[in-house]
Amino acid sequence: MTLTHTATSIPLDTSMIFFNADLSTNAGNVALTLDDGTIPGQLMKFEVVATGADGGDFFTVTITSAIDEDHDEIVFNAAAEEALCLWNGEAWIILEHDGATVS
């Protein structure tokens, strides 16, 4: 599923989310929440397919039930940044991320 800068939520009925917006044209910041998964083992992959970035526009994913408070937010602000999350039945675990900032 591809989300643009007008997205308001992350659907849980898919396992691959692409963020697609031209971040270099001040599309605006997008803040989305990753709610609890639906089944243990569910994977959610995020990838930015945006063109450009000016450092001021970004996609932020806040994880409702993260494995810990140091891993409850992922910020993407450039093309090709990505993250892979796993729902273990109680929390999302960030298995890997490339370029994205996790805090």
Protein backbone atom coordinates (compact mmCIF):
# COMPACT_ATOMS: atom_id res chain seq x y z
CA MET A 1 0.00 0.00 0.00
CA THR A 2 1.27 3.46 -0.85
CA LEU A 3 0.58 6.39 1.47
CA THR A 4 1.06 10.04 0.54
CA HIS A 5 1.41 13.21 2.60
CA THR A 6 -2.40 13.23 2.96
CA ALA A 7 -2.43 9.90 4.86
CA THR A 8 -4.22 9.83 8.19
CA SER A 9 -3.63 6.24 9.36
CA ILE A 10 -1.61 3.07 8.79
CA PRO A 11 -3.76 0.13 7.66
CA LEU A 12 -3.10 -3.13 9.49
CA ASP A 13 -4.45 -5.35 6.71
CA THR A 14 -1.23 -5.08 4.70
CA SER A 15 2.41 -5.84 5.43
CA MET A 16 4.16 -3.33 3.19
CA ILE A 17 3.77 0.43 3.46
CA PHE A 18 5.39 2.80 0.97
CA PHE A 19 5.55 6.50 1.80
CA ASN A 20 5.31 8.44 -1.43
CA ALA A 21 5.49 12.22 -1.40
CA ASP A 22 7.80 14.81 -2.81
CA LEU A 23 9.40 15.87 0.44
CA SER A 24 11.43 18.54 -1.31
CA THR A 25 8.37 20.64 -2.10
CA ASN A 26 7.27 21.29 1.48
CA ALA A 27 4.53 18.69 1.30
CA GLY A 28 4.34 18.96 5.07
CA ASN A 29 5.13 16.58 7.89
CA VAL A 30 3.14 13.39 8.16
CA ALA A 31 2.64 11.87 11.62
CA LEU A 32 1.06 8.43 11.70
CA THR A 33 0.44 5.88 14.46
CA LEU A 34 1.17 2.16 14.17
CA ASP A 35 -1.53 0.52 16.28
CA ASP A 36 -1.34 -2.98 17.75
CA GLY A 37 -0.90 -5.77 15.24
CA THR A 38 -3.54 -8.35 14.46
CA ILE A 39 -1.64 -11.66 14.82
CA PRO A 40 1.72 -12.65 16.32
CA GLY A 41 4.36 -12.77 13.61
CA GLN A 42 2.78 -9.98 11.56
CA LEU A 43 5.41 -7.97 9.71
CA MET A 44 5.13 -4.32 8.73
CA LYS A 45 7.73 -2.86 6.39
CA PHE A 46 7.98 0.86 5.72
CA GLU A 47 9.92 2.32 2.79
CA VAL A 48 10.19 5.88 1.51
CA VAL A 49 9.82 6.16 -2.24
CA ALA A 50 9.69 9.94 -2.04
CA THR A 51 11.72 12.16 -4.30
CA GLY A 52 14.10 14.42 -2.46
CA ALA A 53 13.97 15.77 1.05
CA ASP A 54 14.74 19.13 2.55
CA GLY A 55 15.24 17.96 6.11
CA GLY A 56 12.16 19.85 7.21
CA ASP A 57 9.53 17.47 5.87
CA PHE A 58 9.30 13.92 7.10
CA PHE A 59 7.14 10.91 7.88
CA THR A 60 6.95 9.99 11.56
CA VAL A 61 5.57 6.65 12.72
CA THR A 62 4.72 6.45 16.41
CA ILE A 63 4.34 2.89 17.68
CA THR A 64 1.46 2.49 20.15
CA SER A 65 2.81 -0.69 21.74
CA ALA A 66 6.57 -0.73 21.25
CA ILE A 67 8.93 -3.26 22.79
CA ASP A 68 10.35 -0.39 24.89
CA GLU A 69 10.24 3.40 25.10
CA ASP A 70 13.56 3.76 23.26
CA HIS A 71 12.00 2.20 20.13
CA ASP A 72 8.57 3.80 19.87
CA GLU A 73 9.15 6.27 17.05
CA ILE A 74 10.60 5.99 13.54
CA VAL A 75 11.35 9.11 11.49
CA PHE A 76 11.89 8.99 7.73
CA ASN A 77 13.08 12.05 5.80
CA ALA A 78 14.79 10.79 2.64
CA ALA A 79 14.16 8.47 -0.27
CA ALA A 80 15.09 4.80 0.25
CA GLU A 81 14.92 4.93 4.05
CA GLU A 82 13.18 1.89 5.47
CA ALA A 83 12.26 -0.06 8.59
CA LEU A 84 10.92 -3.55 9.30
CA CYS A 85 8.74 -4.22 12.36
CA LEU A 86 7.43 -7.48 13.85
CA TRP A 87 4.32 -7.82 16.04
CA ASN A 88 5.05 -10.43 18.73
CA GLY A 89 1.50 -10.51 20.07
CA GLU A 90 2.11 -7.81 22.67
CA ALA A 91 4.46 -5.26 21.10
CA TRP A 92 6.09 -4.14 17.86
CA ILE A 93 9.81 -4.90 17.59
CA ILE A 94 11.89 -2.93 15.11
CA LEU A 95 13.90 -5.71 13.50
CA GLU A 96 15.91 -3.50 11.16
CA HIS A 97 16.09 0.03 9.83
CA ASP A 98 18.18 1.70 7.17
CA GLY A 99 18.56 5.46 7.20
CA ALA A 100 15.50 6.06 9.36
CA THR A 101 15.96 7.46 12.86
CA VAL A 102 14.64 5.34 15.73
CA SER A 103 14.03 6.83 19.15
